[in-house]
Every structure is written in structure tokens, then in C-alpha cells.
């Protein structure tokens, strides 16, 4: 894209998230940062949604620190998105752990 600004970047990131292309949304966010474009709160919410859908808690927490530094901390929409991201990832972790426990139990008891 020849001319990058907050609006065009926000639109692209939002479209990537809506289409389920979460990796591309995060890549575009990184490009946005490297080019010096400041994100708005709508962009931050879309990036947090991508983190939640990918299960990348570490990146979601980094985004949380980023938005606090950018003075978005009083934005209730971003705060809610961070909470949802953390809950989504926590549920994924619990599902993986319970699945592993079930598989170990089947293996240990000889049922396959």
C-alpha cells in the first residue's frame, strides 16, 4: 500500500480478523508499527481479537502493556477485549491439559 495511515491500516487489520486471517492481521499491525503509524483503539481491539483467536497469550499481554502506555487504559472496550482474550486463552489451556490427562489415562490403563 503506497500511503499508510491509521484508517487504512485499521480497515485492513479489521478485514483480516473478520475473515479469520489472524496471522495477517498481526503481520499488518507489525508493519503499521514499523512505519510509525499510531493505532487507534479500534485497531487495538482487532489485534487483541486476533491474539485471542490464535491463543497467543504472550502477544495479547504485550498488546495490553502497549495500550496502557498509549493512554488507552481508560477505554472500557479495550479493557473488555483484553479480559476476553485472557479468558479465551485460559480455556484453550484447560482444554489441552484435560485432553492430555485423558490420553495419559487411556494409555496408562491400557485402553486405546
N, C-alpha and C. Protein backbone atom coordinates (compact mmCIF):
# COMPACT_ATOMS: atom_id res chain seq x y z
N UNK A 1 0.86 -1.16 0.00
CA UNK A 1 0.00 0.00 0.00
C UNK A 1 0.91 1.23 0.00
N UNK A 2 0.75 2.14 -0.97
CA UNK A 2 1.66 3.27 -1.07
C UNK A 2 1.56 4.25 0.10
N UNK A 3 0.36 4.59 0.55
CA UNK A 3 0.21 5.57 1.62
C UNK A 3 -0.46 4.89 2.82
N UNK A 4 0.31 4.76 3.89
CA UNK A 4 -0.22 4.11 5.08
C UNK A 4 -0.63 5.16 6.10
N UNK A 5 -1.83 4.99 6.64
CA UNK A 5 -2.27 5.84 7.74
C UNK A 5 -3.07 4.97 8.69
N UNK A 6 -3.51 5.55 9.79
CA UNK A 6 -4.21 4.79 10.81
C UNK A 6 -5.51 4.19 10.27
N UNK A 7 -6.22 4.95 9.43
CA UNK A 7 -7.51 4.48 8.93
C UNK A 7 -7.35 3.29 7.99
N UNK A 8 -6.45 3.40 7.02
CA UNK A 8 -6.27 2.30 6.07
C UNK A 8 -5.72 1.06 6.78
N UNK A 9 -4.83 1.25 7.72
CA UNK A 9 -4.30 0.11 8.47
C UNK A 9 -5.38 -0.53 9.31
N UNK A 10 -6.20 0.29 9.97
CA UNK A 10 -7.28 -0.24 10.79
C UNK A 10 -8.26 -1.05 9.96
N UNK A 11 -8.57 -0.54 8.79
CA UNK A 11 -9.52 -1.25 7.92
C UNK A 11 -8.94 -2.61 7.51
N UNK A 12 -7.68 -2.63 7.10
CA UNK A 12 -7.06 -3.89 6.68
C UNK A 12 -6.99 -4.89 7.83
N UNK A 13 -6.57 -4.44 8.99
CA UNK A 13 -6.48 -5.33 10.15
C UNK A 13 -7.86 -5.87 10.50
N UNK A 14 -8.87 -5.00 10.50
CA UNK A 14 -10.23 -5.43 10.79
C UNK A 14 -10.75 -6.45 9.80
N UNK A 15 -10.46 -6.25 8.52
CA UNK A 15 -10.90 -7.21 7.49
C UNK A 15 -10.19 -8.55 7.68
N UNK A 16 -8.89 -8.52 7.95
CA UNK A 16 -8.16 -9.77 8.19
C UNK A 16 -8.78 -10.54 9.36
N UNK A 17 -9.09 -9.85 10.44
CA UNK A 17 -9.67 -10.51 11.61
C UNK A 17 -11.04 -11.08 11.28
N UNK A 18 -11.89 -10.30 10.60
CA UNK A 18 -13.23 -10.78 10.25
C UNK A 18 -13.19 -11.99 9.32
N UNK A 19 -12.17 -12.05 8.46
CA UNK A 19 -12.03 -13.18 7.53
C UNK A 19 -11.30 -14.37 8.15
N UNK A 20 -10.90 -14.23 9.43
CA UNK A 20 -10.20 -15.33 10.10
C UNK A 20 -8.73 -15.43 9.74
N UNK A 21 -8.17 -14.40 9.15
CA UNK A 21 -6.76 -14.39 8.77
C UNK A 21 -5.97 -13.64 9.85
N UNK A 22 -5.89 -14.29 11.01
CA UNK A 22 -5.34 -13.63 12.19
C UNK A 22 -3.85 -13.35 12.09
N UNK A 23 -3.11 -14.28 11.46
CA UNK A 23 -1.68 -14.05 11.30
C UNK A 23 -1.41 -12.82 10.44
N UNK A 24 -2.19 -12.66 9.37
CA UNK A 24 -2.02 -11.49 8.50
C UNK A 24 -2.37 -10.20 9.25
N UNK A 25 -3.38 -10.27 10.11
CA UNK A 25 -3.75 -9.08 10.90
C UNK A 25 -2.59 -8.67 11.80
N UNK A 26 -1.95 -9.65 12.43
CA UNK A 26 -0.83 -9.34 13.31
C UNK A 26 0.39 -8.87 12.53
N UNK A 27 0.60 -9.46 11.35
CA UNK A 27 1.71 -9.01 10.50
C UNK A 27 1.50 -7.56 10.06
N UNK A 28 0.26 -7.24 9.69
CA UNK A 28 -0.02 -5.87 9.26
C UNK A 28 0.13 -4.89 10.43
N UNK A 29 -0.25 -5.32 11.63
CA UNK A 29 -0.08 -4.47 12.80
C UNK A 29 1.41 -4.18 13.02
N UNK A 30 2.23 -5.21 12.84
CA UNK A 30 3.68 -5.02 12.98
C UNK A 30 4.20 -4.04 11.92
N UNK A 31 3.75 -4.21 10.68
CA UNK A 31 4.13 -3.27 9.62
C UNK A 31 3.68 -1.85 9.95
N UNK A 32 2.51 -1.74 10.51
CA UNK A 32 1.97 -0.44 10.90
C UNK A 32 2.89 0.22 11.92
N UNK A 33 3.32 -0.55 12.91
CA UNK A 33 4.21 -0.02 13.93
C UNK A 33 5.56 0.37 13.34
N UNK A 34 6.11 -0.49 12.47
CA UNK A 34 7.41 -0.21 11.88
C UNK A 34 7.38 1.05 11.02
N UNK A 35 6.24 1.33 10.41
CA UNK A 35 6.14 2.52 9.57
C UNK A 35 5.79 3.78 10.38
N UNK A 36 5.63 3.62 11.70
CA UNK A 36 5.39 4.78 12.56
C UNK A 36 3.94 5.23 12.64
N UNK A 37 3.01 4.41 12.18
CA UNK A 37 1.59 4.77 12.23
C UNK A 37 1.06 4.39 13.61
N UNK A 38 0.45 5.35 14.29
CA UNK A 38 -0.11 5.12 15.62
C UNK A 38 -1.49 4.47 15.51
N UNK A 39 -1.71 3.35 16.19
CA UNK A 39 -3.02 2.71 16.13
C UNK A 39 -4.04 3.43 17.00
N UNK A 40 -5.30 3.31 16.61
CA UNK A 40 -6.37 3.83 17.45
C UNK A 40 -6.96 2.68 18.25
N UNK A 41 -7.93 2.96 19.08
CA UNK A 41 -8.45 1.91 19.95
C UNK A 41 -9.16 0.81 19.16
N UNK A 42 -9.74 1.12 18.02
CA UNK A 42 -10.41 0.11 17.20
C UNK A 42 -9.39 -0.90 16.68
N UNK A 43 -8.24 -0.41 16.27
CA UNK A 43 -7.16 -1.29 15.80
C UNK A 43 -6.67 -2.19 16.93
N UNK A 44 -6.50 -1.62 18.11
CA UNK A 44 -6.05 -2.40 19.26
C UNK A 44 -7.04 -3.51 19.58
N UNK A 45 -8.33 -3.22 19.53
CA UNK A 45 -9.35 -4.24 19.80
C UNK A 45 -9.27 -5.36 18.77
N UNK A 46 -9.08 -5.02 17.49
CA UNK A 46 -8.96 -6.04 16.45
C UNK A 46 -7.73 -6.90 16.66
N UNK A 47 -6.62 -6.29 17.05
CA UNK A 47 -5.38 -7.04 17.28
C UNK A 47 -5.54 -7.96 18.48
N UNK A 48 -6.19 -7.49 19.54
CA UNK A 48 -6.44 -8.34 20.70
C UNK A 48 -7.32 -9.53 20.31
N UNK A 49 -8.33 -9.29 19.46
CA UNK A 49 -9.18 -10.39 18.98
C UNK A 49 -8.36 -11.42 18.21
N UNK A 50 -7.43 -10.96 17.39
CA UNK A 50 -6.56 -11.89 16.65
C UNK A 50 -5.72 -12.71 17.61
N UNK A 51 -5.19 -12.06 18.64
CA UNK A 51 -4.39 -12.78 19.65
C UNK A 51 -5.24 -13.84 20.36
N UNK A 52 -6.47 -13.49 20.69
CA UNK A 52 -7.35 -14.44 21.37
C UNK A 52 -7.65 -15.64 20.48
N UNK A 53 -7.94 -15.37 19.21
CA UNK A 53 -8.29 -16.46 18.30
C UNK A 53 -7.09 -17.36 18.00
N UNK A 54 -5.90 -16.81 18.05
CA UNK A 54 -4.69 -17.62 17.84
C UNK A 54 -4.21 -18.28 19.11
N UNK A 55 -4.72 -17.83 20.26
CA UNK A 55 -4.28 -18.38 21.54
C UNK A 55 -2.91 -17.89 21.94
N UNK A 56 -2.54 -16.72 21.50
CA UNK A 56 -1.22 -16.17 21.81
C UNK A 56 -1.32 -15.22 23.00
N UNK A 57 -1.33 -15.81 24.18
CA UNK A 57 -1.48 -15.01 25.39
C UNK A 57 -0.32 -14.03 25.56
N UNK A 58 0.89 -14.45 25.28
CA UNK A 58 2.04 -13.57 25.43
C UNK A 58 1.91 -12.31 24.59
N UNK A 59 1.50 -12.48 23.35
CA UNK A 59 1.31 -11.31 22.49
C UNK A 59 0.13 -10.48 22.97
N UNK A 60 -0.91 -11.12 23.43
CA UNK A 60 -2.06 -10.38 23.97
C UNK A 60 -1.67 -9.55 25.18
N UNK A 61 -0.81 -10.10 26.04
CA UNK A 61 -0.35 -9.34 27.20
C UNK A 61 0.57 -8.19 26.79
N UNK A 62 1.37 -8.41 25.73
CA UNK A 62 2.20 -7.32 25.22
C UNK A 62 1.32 -6.19 24.69
N UNK A 63 0.27 -6.56 23.98
CA UNK A 63 -0.67 -5.56 23.47
C UNK A 63 -1.30 -4.81 24.64
N UNK A 64 -1.61 -5.53 25.72
CA UNK A 64 -2.16 -4.90 26.91
C UNK A 64 -1.19 -3.85 27.46
N UNK A 65 0.09 -4.19 27.59
CA UNK A 65 1.08 -3.23 28.07
C UNK A 65 1.19 -2.06 27.10
N UNK A 66 1.12 -2.36 25.81
CA UNK A 66 1.21 -1.32 24.79
C UNK A 66 0.07 -0.32 24.94
N UNK A 67 -1.16 -0.82 25.10
CA UNK A 67 -2.29 0.11 25.17
C UNK A 67 -2.28 0.90 26.46
N UNK A 68 -1.72 0.34 27.54
CA UNK A 68 -1.60 1.12 28.78
C UNK A 68 -0.61 2.26 28.58
N UNK A 69 0.50 1.97 27.89
CA UNK A 69 1.49 3.02 27.62
C UNK A 69 0.94 4.09 26.68
N UNK A 70 0.05 3.70 25.79
CA UNK A 70 -0.51 4.64 24.81
C UNK A 70 -1.70 5.41 25.38
N UNK A 71 -1.94 5.27 26.65
CA UNK A 71 -3.01 6.01 27.33
C UNK A 71 -4.41 5.58 26.86
N UNK A 72 -4.56 4.29 26.54
CA UNK A 72 -5.87 3.74 26.24
C UNK A 72 -6.46 3.05 27.47
N UNK A 73 -5.77 3.12 28.60
CA UNK A 73 -6.15 2.31 29.77
C UNK A 73 -7.56 2.59 30.27
N UNK A 74 -8.09 3.77 30.00
CA UNK A 74 -9.44 4.09 30.45
C UNK A 74 -10.51 3.69 29.45
N UNK A 75 -10.10 3.06 28.35
CA UNK A 75 -11.06 2.65 27.32
C UNK A 75 -11.66 1.31 27.71
N UNK A 76 -12.93 1.31 28.06
CA UNK A 76 -13.61 0.11 28.54
C UNK A 76 -13.67 -0.98 27.47
N UNK A 77 -13.77 -0.59 26.21
CA UNK A 77 -13.83 -1.59 25.13
C UNK A 77 -12.53 -2.36 25.03
N UNK A 78 -11.42 -1.67 25.15
CA UNK A 78 -10.12 -2.36 25.11
C UNK A 78 -9.96 -3.23 26.35
N UNK A 79 -10.32 -2.71 27.50
CA UNK A 79 -10.21 -3.50 28.73
C UNK A 79 -11.03 -4.78 28.64
N UNK A 80 -12.24 -4.69 28.11
CA UNK A 80 -13.08 -5.88 27.94
C UNK A 80 -12.45 -6.85 26.95
N UNK A 81 -11.86 -6.33 25.88
CA UNK A 81 -11.22 -7.20 24.89
C UNK A 81 -10.04 -7.95 25.49
N UNK A 82 -9.27 -7.27 26.33
CA UNK A 82 -8.14 -7.94 26.99
C UNK A 82 -8.64 -9.05 27.90
N UNK A 83 -9.69 -8.78 28.66
CA UNK A 83 -10.25 -9.80 29.55
C UNK A 83 -10.73 -11.00 28.74
N UNK A 84 -11.42 -10.77 27.65
CA UNK A 84 -11.92 -11.85 26.80
C UNK A 84 -10.76 -12.64 26.22
N UNK A 85 -9.70 -11.96 25.79
CA UNK A 85 -8.51 -12.63 25.26
C UNK A 85 -7.92 -13.56 26.30
N UNK A 86 -7.74 -13.07 27.51
CA UNK A 86 -7.15 -13.88 28.58
C UNK A 86 -8.05 -15.08 28.89
N UNK A 87 -9.36 -14.87 28.94
CA UNK A 87 -10.28 -15.98 29.21
C UNK A 87 -10.26 -17.01 28.08
N UNK A 88 -10.24 -16.55 26.83
CA UNK A 88 -10.20 -17.48 25.70
C UNK A 88 -8.96 -18.35 25.75
N UNK A 89 -7.83 -17.73 26.01
CA UNK A 89 -6.58 -18.49 26.06
C UNK A 89 -6.58 -19.44 27.26
N UNK A 90 -7.11 -19.00 28.40
CA UNK A 90 -7.18 -19.86 29.58
C UNK A 90 -8.03 -21.09 29.30
N UNK A 91 -9.14 -20.90 28.61
CA UNK A 91 -9.99 -22.04 28.25
C UNK A 91 -9.24 -23.00 27.34
N UNK A 92 -8.51 -22.47 26.36
CA UNK A 92 -7.72 -23.33 25.48
C UNK A 92 -6.68 -24.13 26.26
N UNK A 93 -6.01 -23.50 27.19
CA UNK A 93 -5.01 -24.19 28.00
C UNK A 93 -5.67 -25.30 28.82
N UNK A 94 -6.80 -25.01 29.43
CA UNK A 94 -7.51 -26.04 30.21
C UNK A 94 -7.95 -27.20 29.34
N UNK A 95 -8.42 -26.92 28.14
CA UNK A 95 -8.83 -27.98 27.23
C UNK A 95 -7.66 -28.87 26.85
N UNK A 96 -6.52 -28.26 26.56
CA UNK A 96 -5.33 -29.04 26.20
C UNK A 96 -4.88 -29.90 27.37
N UNK A 97 -4.85 -29.31 28.57
CA UNK A 97 -4.43 -30.07 29.75
C UNK A 97 -5.38 -31.22 30.04
N UNK A 98 -6.69 -30.98 29.94
CA UNK A 98 -7.63 -32.07 30.21
C UNK A 98 -7.56 -33.14 29.13
N UNK A 99 -7.31 -32.75 27.89
CA UNK A 99 -7.16 -33.73 26.81
C UNK A 99 -5.93 -34.59 27.04
N UNK A 100 -4.83 -33.95 27.44
CA UNK A 100 -3.61 -34.72 27.74
C UNK A 100 -3.84 -35.68 28.90
N UNK A 101 -4.55 -35.23 29.93
CA UNK A 101 -4.83 -36.10 31.08
C UNK A 101 -5.67 -37.30 30.65
N UNK A 102 -6.65 -37.07 29.80
CA UNK A 102 -7.48 -38.18 29.30
C UNK A 102 -6.65 -39.16 28.49
N UNK A 103 -5.80 -38.64 27.62
CA UNK A 103 -4.96 -39.52 26.80
C UNK A 103 -3.99 -40.31 27.66
N UNK A 104 -3.40 -39.68 28.65
CA UNK A 104 -2.49 -40.39 29.56
C UNK A 104 -3.25 -41.47 30.33
N UNK A 105 -4.47 -41.17 30.76
CA UNK A 105 -5.28 -42.14 31.48
C UNK A 105 -5.61 -43.34 30.62
N UNK A 106 -5.94 -43.12 29.36
CA UNK A 106 -6.23 -44.22 28.44
C UNK A 106 -4.98 -45.06 28.21
N UNK A 107 -3.86 -44.41 28.04
CA UNK A 107 -2.63 -45.13 27.81
C UNK A 107 -2.23 -45.92 29.04
N UNK A 108 -2.36 -45.31 30.23
CA UNK A 108 -1.95 -45.94 31.47
C UNK A 108 -2.79 -47.17 31.77
N UNK A 109 -4.09 -47.09 31.50
CA UNK A 109 -4.99 -48.20 31.79
C UNK A 109 -5.09 -49.21 30.65
N UNK A 110 -4.36 -48.97 29.60
CA UNK A 110 -4.31 -49.93 28.50
C UNK A 110 -5.47 -49.83 27.54
N UNK A 111 -6.29 -48.82 27.64
CA UNK A 111 -7.39 -48.66 26.70
C UNK A 111 -6.94 -47.71 25.59
N UNK A 112 -7.17 -48.14 24.39
CA UNK A 112 -6.75 -47.31 23.24
C UNK A 112 -7.85 -47.21 22.24
